[in-house]
Amino acid sequence: MDEDEKDLERRRSELGAKLAERQAQKSRDMAKEKQGEVSRKGYAEAMKLASEFFSAVFVGGVLGYMLDRFAGTSPWGLVVLLLLGFCAGVLNVLRSVGAVAPVASSNRRDEDNK
């Protein structure tokens, strides 16, 4: 019986070591997953900001081209509206980042006066 108890104790200690190793591996995996989640959020934010900027410039360019095409003001409509689109894109990015305060709506001003 003494031999069986020693064997059982040895197996128990081996199992405890394996369990501790698995717990450590699990915590390392969780840390890697958190880091990956932060990285994915940063990538998503960058894509959102880039799409906001490029869409504003694109819309300004298209509207300027259309104005030049129909009004015959070539190239001034394209130049002016492309610059306005660029400014609007920069302003949108700054608002998304939080560097510039968002536009206050008239409803919000009415509530503040009450």
PDB file of N, CA and C in Angstrom:
ATOM      1  N   MET A   1       0.813  -1.187   0.000  1.00  0.00           N
ATOM      2  CA  MET A   1       0.000   0.000   0.000  1.00  0.00           C
ATOM      3  C   MET A   1       0.860   1.256   0.000  1.00  0.00           C
ATOM      4  N   ASP A   2       2.016   1.198   0.642  1.00  0.00           N
ATOM      5  CA  ASP A   2       2.907   2.340   0.709  1.00  0.00           C
ATOM      6  C   ASP A   2       3.397   2.728  -0.691  1.00  0.00           C
ATOM      7  N   GLU A   3       3.649   1.740  -1.516  1.00  0.00           N
ATOM      8  CA  GLU A   3       4.098   1.980  -2.899  1.00  0.00           C
ATOM      9  C   GLU A   3       2.990   2.646  -3.713  1.00  0.00           C
ATOM     10  N   ASP A   4       1.755   2.229  -3.512  1.00  0.00           N
ATOM     11  CA  ASP A   4       0.628   2.818  -4.223  1.00  0.00           C
ATOM     12  C   ASP A   4       0.417   4.289  -3.828  1.00  0.00           C
ATOM     13  N   GLU A   5       0.603   4.586  -2.548  1.00  0.00           N
ATOM     14  CA  GLU A   5       0.448   5.954  -2.091  1.00  0.00           C
ATOM     15  C   GLU A   5       1.530   6.862  -2.673  1.00  0.00           C
ATOM     16  N   LYS A   6       2.761   6.359  -2.762  1.00  0.00           N
ATOM     17  CA  LYS A   6       3.847   7.145  -3.356  1.00  0.00           C
ATOM     18  C   LYS A   6       3.565   7.398  -4.836  1.00  0.00           C
ATOM     19  N   ASP A   7       3.097   6.356  -5.509  1.00  0.00           N
ATOM     20  CA  ASP A   7       2.771   6.497  -6.932  1.00  0.00           C
ATOM     21  C   ASP A   7       1.628   7.500  -7.124  1.00  0.00           C
ATOM     22  N   LEU A   8       0.626   7.403  -6.272  1.00  0.00           N
ATOM     23  CA  LEU A   8      -0.502   8.329  -6.344  1.00  0.00           C
ATOM     24  C   LEU A   8      -0.051   9.764  -6.071  1.00  0.00           C
ATOM     25  N   GLU A   9       0.827   9.937  -5.088  1.00  0.00           N
ATOM     26  CA  GLU A   9       1.331  11.276  -4.773  1.00  0.00           C
ATOM     27  C   GLU A   9       2.174  11.825  -5.926  1.00  0.00           C
ATOM     28  N   ARG A  10       2.984  10.989  -6.557  1.00  0.00           N
ATOM     29  CA  ARG A  10       3.791  11.407  -7.700  1.00  0.00           C
ATOM     30  C   ARG A  10       2.897  11.836  -8.855  1.00  0.00           C
ATOM     31  N   ARG A  11       1.882  11.043  -9.140  1.00  0.00           N
ATOM     32  CA  ARG A  11       0.947  11.372 -10.224  1.00  0.00           C
ATOM     33  C   ARG A  11       0.178  12.659  -9.917  1.00  0.00           C
ATOM     34  N   ARG A  12      -0.190  12.852  -8.654  1.00  0.00           N
ATOM     35  CA  ARG A  12      -0.900  14.062  -8.244  1.00  0.00           C
ATOM     36  C   ARG A  12      -0.012  15.294  -8.446  1.00  0.00           C
ATOM     37  N   SER A  13       1.256  15.197  -8.077  1.00  0.00           N
ATOM     38  CA  SER A  13       2.162  16.340  -8.245  1.00  0.00           C
ATOM     39  C   SER A  13       2.407  16.612  -9.736  1.00  0.00           C
ATOM     40  N   GLU A  14       2.528  15.564 -10.563  1.00  0.00           N
ATOM     41  CA  GLU A  14       2.681  15.760 -12.009  1.00  0.00           C
ATOM     42  C   GLU A  14       1.443  16.440 -12.596  1.00  0.00           C
ATOM     43  N   LEU A  15       0.294  15.994 -12.137  1.00  0.00           N
ATOM     44  CA  LEU A  15      -0.950  16.593 -12.621  1.00  0.00           C
ATOM     45  C   LEU A  15      -1.053  18.062 -12.189  1.00  0.00           C
ATOM     46  N   GLY A  16      -0.645  18.371 -10.983  1.00  0.00           N
ATOM     47  CA  GLY A  16      -0.655  19.752 -10.510  1.00  0.00           C
ATOM     48  C   GLY A  16       0.290  20.628 -11.326  1.00  0.00           C
ATOM     49  N   ALA A  17       1.456  20.092 -11.688  1.00  0.00           N
ATOM     50  CA  ALA A  17       2.413  20.851 -12.507  1.00  0.00           C
ATOM     51  C   ALA A  17       1.847  21.103 -13.902  1.00  0.00           C
ATOM     52  N   LYS A  18       1.237  20.055 -14.474  1.00  0.00           N
ATOM     53  CA  LYS A  18       0.623  20.220 -15.800  1.00  0.00           C
ATOM     54  C   LYS A  18      -0.516  21.236 -15.757  1.00  0.00           C
ATOM     55  N   LEU A  19      -1.301  21.186 -14.701  1.00  0.00           N
ATOM     56  CA  LEU A  19      -2.419  22.118 -14.550  1.00  0.00           C
ATOM     57  C   LEU A  19      -1.908  23.555 -14.409  1.00  0.00           C
ATOM     58  N   ALA A  20      -0.862  23.753 -13.638  1.00  0.00           N
ATOM     59  CA  ALA A  20      -0.283  25.082 -13.472  1.00  0.00           C
ATOM     60  C   ALA A  20       0.275  25.599 -14.803  1.00  0.00           C
ATOM     61  N   GLU A  21       0.895  24.691 -15.576  1.00  0.00           N
ATOM     62  CA  GLU A  21       1.432  25.075 -16.884  1.00  0.00           C
ATOM     63  C   GLU A  21       0.304  25.474 -17.831  1.00  0.00           C
ATOM     64  N   ARG A  22      -0.776  24.739 -17.810  1.00  0.00           N
ATOM     65  CA  ARG A  22      -1.926  25.072 -18.672  1.00  0.00           C
ATOM     66  C   ARG A  22      -2.562  26.395 -18.265  1.00  0.00           C
ATOM     67  N   GLN A  23      -2.650  26.663 -16.962  1.00  0.00           N
ATOM     68  CA  GLN A  23      -3.194  27.934 -16.497  1.00  0.00           C
ATOM     69  C   GLN A  23      -2.317  29.097 -16.956  1.00  0.00           C
ATOM     70  N   ALA A  24      -1.008  28.924 -16.877  1.00  0.00           N
ATOM     71  CA  ALA A  24      -0.083  29.967 -17.328  1.00  0.00           C
ATOM     72  C   ALA A  24      -0.229  30.191 -18.837  1.00  0.00           C
ATOM     73  N   GLN A  25      -0.351  29.100 -19.597  1.00  0.00           N
ATOM     74  CA  GLN A  25      -0.530  29.217 -21.049  1.00  0.00           C
ATOM     75  C   GLN A  25      -1.849  29.917 -21.377  1.00  0.00           C
ATOM     76  N   LYS A  26      -2.880  29.596 -20.608  1.00  0.00           N
ATOM     77  CA  LYS A  26      -4.190  30.220 -20.834  1.00  0.00           C
ATOM     78  C   LYS A  26      -4.115  31.715 -20.564  1.00  0.00           C
ATOM     79  N   SER A  27      -3.431  32.126 -19.512  1.00  0.00           N
ATOM     80  CA  SER A  27      -3.311  33.551 -19.210  1.00  0.00           C
ATOM     81  C   SER A  27      -2.475  34.254 -20.281  1.00  0.00           C
ATOM     82  N   ARG A  28      -1.438  33.590 -20.811  1.00  0.00           N
ATOM     83  CA  ARG A  28      -0.656  34.184 -21.905  1.00  0.00           C
ATOM     84  C   ARG A  28      -1.518  34.336 -23.157  1.00  0.00           C
ATOM     85  N   ASP A  29      -2.345  33.329 -23.442  1.00  0.00           N
ATOM     86  CA  ASP A  29      -3.239  33.405 -24.606  1.00  0.00           C
ATOM     87  C   ASP A  29      -4.251  34.531 -24.455  1.00  0.00           C
ATOM     88  N   MET A  30      -4.766  34.710 -23.247  1.00  0.00           N
ATOM     89  CA  MET A  30      -5.725  35.794 -23.004  1.00  0.00           C
ATOM     90  C   MET A  30      -5.062  37.156 -23.202  1.00  0.00           C
ATOM     91  N   ALA A  31      -3.809  37.292 -22.751  1.00  0.00           N
ATOM     92  CA  ALA A  31      -3.083  38.552 -22.933  1.00  0.00           C
ATOM     93  C   ALA A  31      -2.848  38.823 -24.416  1.00  0.00           C
ATOM     94  N   LYS A  32      -2.510  37.791 -25.189  1.00  0.00           N
ATOM     95  CA  LYS A  32      -2.324  37.961 -26.629  1.00  0.00           C
ATOM     96  C   LYS A  32      -3.630  38.350 -27.300  1.00  0.00           C
ATOM     97  N   GLU A  33      -4.728  37.760 -26.867  1.00  0.00           N
ATOM     98  CA  GLU A  33      -6.039  38.072 -27.449  1.00  0.00           C
ATOM     99  C   GLU A  33      -6.418  39.517 -27.151  1.00  0.00           C
ATOM    100  N   LYS A  34      -6.153  39.990 -25.946  1.00  0.00           N
ATOM    101  CA  LYS A  34      -6.442  41.391 -25.615  1.00  0.00           C
ATOM    102  C   LYS A  34      -5.612  42.328 -26.476  1.00  0.00           C
ATOM    103  N   GLN A  35      -4.341  42.003 -26.665  1.00  0.00           N
ATOM    104  CA  GLN A  35      -3.473  42.829 -27.501  1.00  0.00           C
ATOM    105  C   GLN A  35      -3.979  42.836 -28.942  1.00  0.00           C
ATOM    106  N   GLY A  36      -4.432  41.694 -29.435  1.00  0.00           N
ATOM    107  CA  GLY A  36      -4.985  41.623 -30.778  1.00  0.00           C
ATOM    108  C   GLY A  36      -6.261  42.436 -30.916  1.00  0.00           C
ATOM    109  N   GLU A  37      -7.072  42.430 -29.880  1.00  0.00           N
ATOM    110  CA  GLU A  37      -8.310  43.212 -29.902  1.00  0.00           C
ATOM    111  C   GLU A  37      -8.011  44.709 -29.959  1.00  0.00           C
ATOM    112  N   VAL A  38      -7.023  45.153 -29.201  1.00  0.00           N
ATOM    113  CA  VAL A  38      -6.631  46.555 -29.233  1.00  0.00           C
ATOM    114  C   VAL A  38      -6.111  46.919 -30.618  1.00  0.00           C
ATOM    115  N   SER A  39      -5.340  46.032 -31.201  1.00  0.00           N
ATOM    116  CA  SER A  39      -4.793  46.276 -32.533  1.00  0.00           C
ATOM    117  C   SER A  39      -5.905  46.357 -33.574  1.00  0.00           C
ATOM    118  N   ARG A  40      -6.892  45.472 -33.477  1.00  0.00           N
ATOM    119  CA  ARG A  40      -8.016  45.498 -34.428  1.00  0.00           C
ATOM    120  C   ARG A  40      -8.839  46.762 -34.273  1.00  0.00           C
ATOM    121  N   LYS A  41      -9.030  47.219 -33.051  1.00  0.00           N
ATOM    122  CA  LYS A  41      -9.782  48.460 -32.836  1.00  0.00           C
ATOM    123  C   LYS A  41      -9.043  49.648 -33.427  1.00  0.00           C
ATOM    124  N   GLY A  42      -7.739  49.682 -33.281  1.00  0.00           N
ATOM    125  CA  GLY A  42      -6.951  50.760 -33.858  1.00  0.00           C
ATOM    126  C   GLY A  42      -7.021  50.756 -35.377  1.00  0.00           C
ATOM    127  N   TYR A  43      -6.961  49.576 -35.966  1.00  0.00           N
ATOM    128  CA  TYR A  43      -7.056  49.461 -37.428  1.00  0.00           C
ATOM    129  C   TYR A  43      -8.433  49.918 -37.904  1.00  0.00           C
ATOM    130  N   ALA A  44      -9.466  49.535 -37.200  1.00  0.00           N
ATOM    131  CA  ALA A  44     -10.824  49.944 -37.583  1.00  0.00           C
ATOM    132  C   ALA A  44     -10.980  51.461 -37.479  1.00  0.00           C
ATOM    133  N   GLU A  45     -10.425  52.051 -36.440  1.00  0.00           N
ATOM    134  CA  GLU A  45     -10.491  53.506 -36.277  1.00  0.00           C
ATOM    135  C   GLU A  45      -9.745  54.209 -37.409  1.00  0.00           C
ATOM    136  N   ALA A  46      -8.580  53.679 -37.783  1.00  0.00           N
ATOM    137  CA  ALA A  46      -7.805  54.279 -38.873  1.00  0.00           C
ATOM    138  C   ALA A  46      -8.562  54.189 -40.194  1.00  0.00           C
ATOM    139  N   MET A  47      -9.206  53.063 -40.447  1.00  0.00           N
ATOM    140  CA  MET A  47      -9.977  52.908 -41.683  1.00  0.00           C
ATOM    141  C   MET A  47     -11.166  53.863 -41.703  1.00  0.00           C
ATOM    142  N   LYS A  48     -11.801  54.044 -40.558  1.00  0.00           N
ATOM    143  CA  LYS A  48     -12.939  54.964 -40.483  1.00  0.00           C
ATOM    144  C   LYS A  48     -12.505  56.401 -40.767  1.00  0.00           C
ATOM    145  N   LEU A  49     -11.409  56.819 -40.160  1.00  0.00           N
ATOM    146  CA  LEU A  49     -10.920  58.173 -40.369  1.00  0.00           C
ATOM    147  C   LEU A  49     -10.490  58.392 -41.815  1.00  0.00           C
ATOM    148  N   ALA A  50      -9.811  57.414 -42.390  1.00  0.00           N
ATOM    149  CA  ALA A  50      -9.368  57.544 -43.779  1.00  0.00           C
ATOM    150  C   ALA A  50     -10.556  57.615 -44.729  1.00  0.00           C
ATOM    151  N   SER A  51     -11.565  56.789 -44.490  1.00  0.00           N
ATOM    152  CA  SER A  51     -12.732  56.804 -45.383  1.00  0.00           C
ATOM    153  C   SER A  51     -13.506  58.118 -45.247  1.00  0.00           C
ATOM    154  N   GLU A  52     -13.596  58.670 -44.044  1.00  0.00           N
ATOM    155  CA  GLU A  52     -14.260  59.967 -43.870  1.00  0.00           C
ATOM    156  C   GLU A  52     -13.522  61.068 -44.626  1.00  0.00           C
ATOM    157  N   PHE A  53     -12.203  61.058 -44.541  1.00  0.00           N
ATOM    158  CA  PHE A  53     -11.426  62.084 -45.211  1.00  0.00           C
ATOM    159  C   PHE A  53     -11.542  61.956 -46.733  1.00  0.00           C
ATOM    160  N   PHE A  54     -11.308  60.763 -47.257  1.00  0.00           N
ATOM    161  CA  PHE A  54     -11.320  60.580 -48.702  1.00  0.00           C
ATOM    162  C   PHE A  54     -12.706  60.771 -49.300  1.00  0.00           C
ATOM    163  N   SER A  55     -13.737  60.404 -48.565  1.00  0.00           N
ATOM    164  CA  SER A  55     -15.087  60.609 -49.109  1.00  0.00           C
ATOM    165  C   SER A  55     -15.416  62.099 -49.209  1.00  0.00           C
ATOM    166  N   ALA A  56     -14.977  62.904 -48.245  1.00  0.00           N
ATOM    167  CA  ALA A  56     -15.234  64.346 -48.312  1.00  0.00           C
ATOM    168  C   ALA A  56     -14.496  64.969 -49.491  1.00  0.00           C
ATOM    169  N   VAL A  57     -13.245  64.571 -49.699  1.00  0.00           N
ATOM    170  CA  VAL A  57     -12.480  65.094 -50.833  1.00  0.00           C
ATOM    171  C   VAL A  57     -13.102  64.636 -52.144  1.00  0.00           C
ATOM    172  N   PHE A  58     -13.520  63.381 -52.210  1.00  0.00           N
ATOM    173  CA  PHE A  58     -14.121  62.842 -53.431  1.00  0.00           C
ATOM    174  C   PHE A  58     -15.427  63.560 -53.765  1.00  0.00           C
ATOM    175  N   VAL A  59     -16.273  63.757 -52.781  1.00  0.00           N
ATOM    176  CA  VAL A  59     -17.547  64.450 -53.013  1.00  0.00           C
ATOM    177  C   VAL A  59     -17.291  65.891 -53.458  1.00  0.00           C
ATOM    178  N   GLY A  60     -16.340  66.566 -52.847  1.00  0.00           N
ATOM    179  CA  GLY A  60     -15.999  67.917 -53.267  1.00  0.00           C
ATOM    180  C   GLY A  60     -15.510  67.951 -54.702  1.00  0.00           C
ATOM    181  N   GLY A  61     -14.680  66.981 -55.084  1.00  0.00           N
ATOM    182  CA  GLY A  61     -14.180  66.914 -56.446  1.00  0.00           C
ATOM    183  C   GLY A  61     -15.277  66.634 -57.455  1.00  0.00           C
ATOM    184  N   VAL A  62     -16.159  65.705 -57.123  1.00  0.00           N
ATOM    185  CA  VAL A  62     -17.263  65.369 -58.041  1.00  0.00           C
ATOM    186  C   VAL A  62     -18.204  66.563 -58.200  1.00  0.00           C
ATOM    187  N   LEU A  63     -18.545  67.206 -57.109  1.00  0.00           N
ATOM    188  CA  LEU A  63     -19.430  68.372 -57.207  1.00  0.00           C
ATOM    189  C   LEU A  63     -18.778  69.504 -57.992  1.00  0.00           C
ATOM    190  N   GLY A  64     -17.479  69.720 -57.796  1.00  0.00           N
ATOM    191  CA  GLY A  64     -16.764  70.741 -58.547  1.00  0.00           C
ATOM    192  C   GLY A  64     -16.717  70.419 -60.037  1.00  0.00           C
ATOM    193  N   TYR A  65     -16.495  69.169 -60.356  1.00  0.00           N
ATOM    194  CA  TYR A  65     -16.483  68.749 -61.761  1.00  0.00           C
ATOM    195  C   TYR A  65     -17.858  68.951 -62.395  1.00  0.00           C
ATOM    196  N   MET A  66     -18.892  68.576 -61.664  1.00  0.00           N
ATOM    197  CA  MET A  66     -20.258  68.737 -62.186  1.00  0.00           C
ATOM    198  C   MET A  66     -20.578  70.221 -62.391  1.00  0.00           C
ATOM    199  N   LEU A  67     -20.180  71.057 -61.447  1.00  0.00           N
ATOM    200  CA  LEU A  67     -20.409  72.492 -61.583  1.00  0.00           C
ATOM    201  C   LEU A  67     -19.686  73.031 -62.821  1.00  0.00           C
ATOM    202  N   ASP A  68     -18.427  72.632 -62.994  1.00  0.00           N
ATOM    203  CA  ASP A  68     -17.675  73.077 -64.172  1.00  0.00           C
ATOM    204  C   ASP A  68     -18.305  72.569 -65.461  1.00  0.00           C
ATOM    205  N   ARG A  69     -18.767  71.370 -65.444  1.00  0.00           N
ATOM    206  CA  ARG A  69     -19.340  70.759 -66.645  1.00  0.00           C
ATOM    207  C   ARG A  69     -20.619  71.480 -67.085  1.00  0.00           C
ATOM    208  N   PHE A  70     -21.483  71.788 -66.119  1.00  0.00           N
ATOM    209  CA  PHE A  70     -22.784  72.376 -66.470  1.00  0.00           C
ATOM    210  C   PHE A  70     -22.763  73.909 -66.506  1.00  0.00           C
ATOM    211  N   ALA A  71     -21.919  74.538 -65.712  1.00  0.00           N
ATOM    212  CA  ALA A  71     -21.895  76.002 -65.677  1.00  0.00           C
ATOM    213  C   ALA A  71     -20.801  76.586 -66.570  1.00  0.00           C
ATOM    214  N   GLY A  72     -19.868  75.747 -67.010  1.00  0.00           N
ATOM    215  CA  GLY A  72     -18.801  76.215 -67.865  1.00  0.00           C
ATOM    216  C   GLY A  72     -17.785  77.084 -67.163  1.00  0.00           C
ATOM    217  N   THR A  73     -17.552  76.805 -65.889  1.00  0.00           N
ATOM    218  CA  THR A  73     -16.613  77.618 -65.101  1.00  0.00           C
ATOM    219  C   THR A  73     -15.269  76.923 -64.937  1.00  0.00           C
ATOM    220  N   SER A  74     -14.942  76.044 -65.832  1.00  0.00           N
ATOM    221  CA  SER A  74     -13.742  75.219 -65.719  1.00  0.00           C
ATOM    222  C   SER A  74     -12.497  76.074 -65.529  1.00  0.00           C
ATOM    223  N   PRO A  75     -11.619  75.752 -64.700  1.00  0.00           N
ATOM    224  CA  PRO A  75     -11.470  74.736 -63.674  1.00  0.00           C
ATOM    225  C   PRO A  75     -11.788  75.245 -62.284  1.00  0.00           C
ATOM    226  N   TRP A  76     -12.398  76.427 -62.172  1.00  0.00           N
ATOM    227  CA  TRP A  76     -12.544  77.069 -60.874  1.00  0.00           C
ATOM    228  C   TRP A  76     -13.512  76.343 -59.942  1.00  0.00           C
ATOM    229  N   GLY A  77     -14.569  75.805 -60.458  1.00  0.00           N
ATOM    230  CA  GLY A  77     -15.497  75.065 -59.600  1.00  0.00           C
ATOM    231  C   GLY A  77     -14.837  73.843 -58.988  1.00  0.00           C
ATOM    232  N   LEU A  78     -14.054  73.134 -59.812  1.00  0.00           N
ATOM    233  CA  LEU A  78     -13.341  71.950 -59.321  1.00  0.00           C
ATOM    234  C   LEU A  78     -12.318  72.339 -58.265  1.00  0.00           C
ATOM    235  N   VAL A  79     -11.564  73.391 -58.518  1.00  0.00           N
ATOM    236  CA  VAL A  79     -10.522  73.810 -57.573  1.00  0.00           C
ATOM    237  C   VAL A  79     -11.146  74.237 -56.247  1.00  0.00           C
ATOM    238  N   VAL A  80     -12.165  75.074 -56.312  1.00  0.00           N
ATOM    239  CA  VAL A  80     -12.766  75.600 -55.085  1.00  0.00           C
ATOM    240  C   VAL A  80     -13.448  74.496 -54.291  1.00  0.00           C
ATOM    241  N   LEU A  81     -14.259  73.683 -54.953  1.00  0.00           N
ATOM    242  CA  LEU A  81     -14.980  72.642 -54.222  1.00  0.00           C
ATOM    243  C   LEU A  81     -14.058  71.507 -53.774  1.00  0.00           C
ATOM    244  N   LEU A  82     -12.982  71.273 -54.498  1.00  0.00           N
ATOM    245  CA  LEU A  82     -12.006  70.285 -54.049  1.00  0.00           C
ATOM    246  C   LEU A  82     -11.320  70.775 -52.773  1.00  0.00           C
ATOM    247  N   LEU A  83     -10.987  72.041 -52.721  1.00  0.00           N
ATOM    248  CA  LEU A  83     -10.399  72.598 -51.495  1.00  0.00           C
ATOM    249  C   LEU A  83     -11.401  72.585 -50.337  1.00  0.00           C
ATOM    250  N   LEU A  84     -12.658  72.907 -50.632  1.00  0.00           N
ATOM    251  CA  LEU A  84     -13.679  72.833 -49.577  1.00  0.00           C
ATOM    252  C   LEU A  84     -13.867  71.396 -49.092  1.00  0.00           C
ATOM    253  N   GLY A  85     -13.823  70.434 -50.008  1.00  0.00           N
ATOM    254  CA  GLY A  85     -13.910  69.023 -49.616  1.00  0.00           C
ATOM    255  C   GLY A  85     -12.743  68.609 -48.749  1.00  0.00           C
ATOM    256  N   PHE A  86     -11.548  69.106 -49.093  1.00  0.00           N
ATOM    257  CA  PHE A  86     -10.374  68.821 -48.278  1.00  0.00           C
ATOM    258  C   PHE A  86     -10.537  69.384 -46.870  1.00  0.00           C
ATOM    259  N   CYS A  87     -10.994  70.620 -46.795  1.00  0.00           N
ATOM    260  CA  CYS A  87     -11.214  71.243 -45.475  1.00  0.00           C
ATOM    261  C   CYS A  87     -12.280  70.506 -44.678  1.00  0.00           C
ATOM    262  N   ALA A  88     -13.348  70.109 -45.353  1.00  0.00           N
ATOM    263  CA  ALA A  88     -14.400  69.353 -44.664  1.00  0.00           C
ATOM    264  C   ALA A  88     -13.880  68.004 -44.192  1.00  0.00           C
ATOM    265  N   GLY A  89     -13.044  67.359 -44.984  1.00  0.00           N
ATOM    266  CA  GLY A  89     -12.462  66.080 -44.573  1.00  0.00           C
ATOM    267  C   GLY A  89     -11.576  66.214 -43.357  1.00  0.00           C
ATOM    268  N   VAL A  90     -10.738  67.244 -43.355  1.00  0.00           N
ATOM    269  CA  VAL A  90      -9.869  67.476 -42.193  1.00  0.00           C
ATOM    270  C   VAL A  90     -10.708  67.776 -40.958  1.00  0.00           C
ATOM    271  N   LEU A  91     -11.741  68.586 -41.119  1.00  0.00           N
ATOM    272  CA  LEU A  91     -12.604  68.908 -39.989  1.00  0.00           C
ATOM    273  C   LEU A  91     -13.326  67.661 -39.458  1.00  0.00           C
ATOM    274  N   ASN A  92     -13.789  66.791 -40.357  1.00  0.00           N
ATOM    275  CA  ASN A  92     -14.438  65.543 -39.931  1.00  0.00           C
ATOM    276  C   ASN A  92     -13.477  64.655 -39.156  1.00  0.00           C
ATOM    277  N   VAL A  93     -12.241  64.548 -39.625  1.00  0.00           N
ATOM    278  CA  VAL A  93     -11.252  63.726 -38.932  1.00  0.00           C
ATOM    279  C   VAL A  93     -10.955  64.311 -37.552  1.00  0.00           C
ATOM    280  N   LEU A  94     -10.792  65.619 -37.486  1.00  0.00           N
ATOM    281  CA  LEU A  94     -10.512  66.254 -36.190  1.00  0.00           C
ATOM    282  C   LEU A  94     -11.681  66.075 -35.217  1.00  0.00           C
ATOM    283  N   ARG A  95     -12.900  66.138 -35.724  1.00  0.00           N
ATOM    284  CA  ARG A  95     -14.062  65.916 -34.850  1.00  0.00           C
ATOM    285  C   ARG A  95     -14.120  64.473 -34.378  1.00  0.00           C
ATOM    286  N   SER A  96     -13.816  63.529 -35.253  1.00  0.00           N
ATOM    287  CA  SER A  96     -13.842  62.122 -34.867  1.00  0.00           C
ATOM    288  C   SER A  96     -12.788  61.809 -33.822  1.00  0.00           C
ATOM    289  N   VAL A  97     -11.642  62.430 -33.949  1.00  0.00           N
ATOM    290  CA  VAL A  97     -10.560  62.201 -32.992  1.00  0.00           C
ATOM    291  C   VAL A  97     -10.850  62.890 -31.664  1.00  0.00           C
ATOM    292  N   GLY A  98     -11.628  63.960 -31.714  1.00  0.00           N
ATOM    293  CA  GLY A  98     -11.967  64.680 -30.491  1.00  0.00           C
ATOM    294  C   GLY A  98     -11.147  65.933 -30.305  1.00  0.00           C
ATOM    295  N   ALA A  99     -10.396  66.326 -31.332  1.00  0.00           N
ATOM    296  CA  ALA A  99      -9.579  67.532 -31.232  1.00  0.00           C
ATOM    297  C   ALA A  99     -10.410  68.801 -31.391  1.00  0.00           C
ATOM    298  N   VAL A 100     -11.578  68.675 -32.016  1.00  0.00           N
ATOM    299  CA  VAL A 100     -12.472  69.810 -32.223  1.00  0.00           C
ATOM    300  C   VAL A 100     -13.831  69.425 -31.653  1.00  0.00           C
ATOM    301  N   ALA A 101     -14.488  70.358 -31.020  1.00  0.00           N
ATOM    302  CA  ALA A 101     -15.803  70.089 -30.436  1.00  0.00           C
ATOM    303  C   ALA A 101     -16.819  69.826 -31.543  1.00  0.00           C
ATOM    304  N   PRO A 102     -17.736  68.885 -31.333  1.00  0.00           N
ATOM    305  CA  PRO A 102     -18.766  68.624 -32.333  1.00  0.00           C
ATOM    306  C   PRO A 102     -19.729  69.797 -32.472  1.00  0.00           C
ATOM    307  N   VAL A 103     -20.408  69.832 -33.594  1.00  0.00           N
ATOM    308  CA  VAL A 103     -21.357  70.907 -33.860  1.00  0.00           C
ATOM    309  C   VAL A 103     -22.532  70.785 -32.902  1.00  0.00           C
ATOM    310  N   ALA A 104     -22.909  71.897 -32.256  1.00  0.00           N
ATOM    311  CA  ALA A 104     -24.053  71.908 -31.346  1.00  0.00           C
ATOM    312  C   ALA A 104     -25.318  72.092 -32.162  1.00  0.00           C
ATOM    313  N   SER A 105     -26.316  71.257 -31.907  1.00  0.00           N
ATOM    314  CA  SER A 105     -27.576  71.388 -32.636  1.00  0.00           C
ATOM    315  C   SER A 105     -28.455  72.442 -31.966  1.00  0.00           C
ATOM    316  N   SER A 106     -29.445  72.910 -32.696  1.00  0.00           N
ATOM    317  CA  SER A 106     -30.328  73.931 -32.138  1.00  0.00           C
ATOM    318  C   SER A 106     -31.168  73.365 -30.995  1.00  0.00           C
ATOM    319  N   ASN A 107     -31.477  72.059 -31.035  1.00  0.00           N
ATOM    320  CA  ASN A 107     -32.240  71.434 -29.949  1.00  0.00           C
ATOM    321  C   ASN A 107     -31.446  71.437 -28.654  1.00  0.00           C
ATOM    322  N   ARG A 108     -30.160  71.211 -28.751  1.00  0.00           N
ATOM    323  CA  ARG A 108     -29.305  71.174 -27.563  1.00  0.00           C
ATOM    324  C   ARG A 108     -29.232  72.573 -26.950  1.00  0.00           C
ATOM    325  N   ARG A 109     -29.175  73.610 -27.756  1.00  0.00           N
ATOM    326  CA  ARG A 109     -29.120  74.971 -27.232  1.00  0.00           C
ATOM    327  C   ARG A 109     -30.426  75.325 -26.537  1.00  0.00           C
ATOM    328  N   ASP A 110     -31.561  74.880 -27.100  1.00  0.00           N
ATOM    329  CA  ASP A 110     -32.845  75.142 -26.466  1.00  0.00           C
ATOM    330  C   ASP A 110     -32.943  74.471 -25.107  1.00  0.00           C
ATOM    331  N   GLU A 111     -32.417  73.226 -24.997  1.00  0.00           N
ATOM    332  CA  GLU A 111     -32.459  72.509 -23.719  1.00  0.00           C
ATOM    333  C   GLU A 111     -31.556  73.173 -22.691  1.00  0.00           C
ATOM    334  N   ASP A 112     -30.420  73.712 -23.138  1.00  0.00           N
ATOM    335  CA  ASP A 112     -29.499  74.365 -22.207  1.00  0.00           C
ATOM    336  C   ASP A 112     -30.083  75.652 -21.637  1.00  0.00           C
ATOM    337  N   ASN A 113     -30.931  76.342 -22.395  1.00  0.00           N
ATOM    338  CA  ASN A 113     -31.525  77.602 -21.948  1.00  0.00           C
ATOM    339  C   ASN A 113     -32.641  77.389 -20.935  1.00  0.00           C
ATOM    340  N   LYS A 114     -33.172  76.202 -20.839  1.00  0.00           N
ATOM    341  CA  LYS A 114     -34.292  75.941 -19.916  1.00  0.00           C
ATOM    342  C   LYS A 114     -33.851  75.815 -18.502  1.00  0.00           C
TER     343      LYS A 114
END
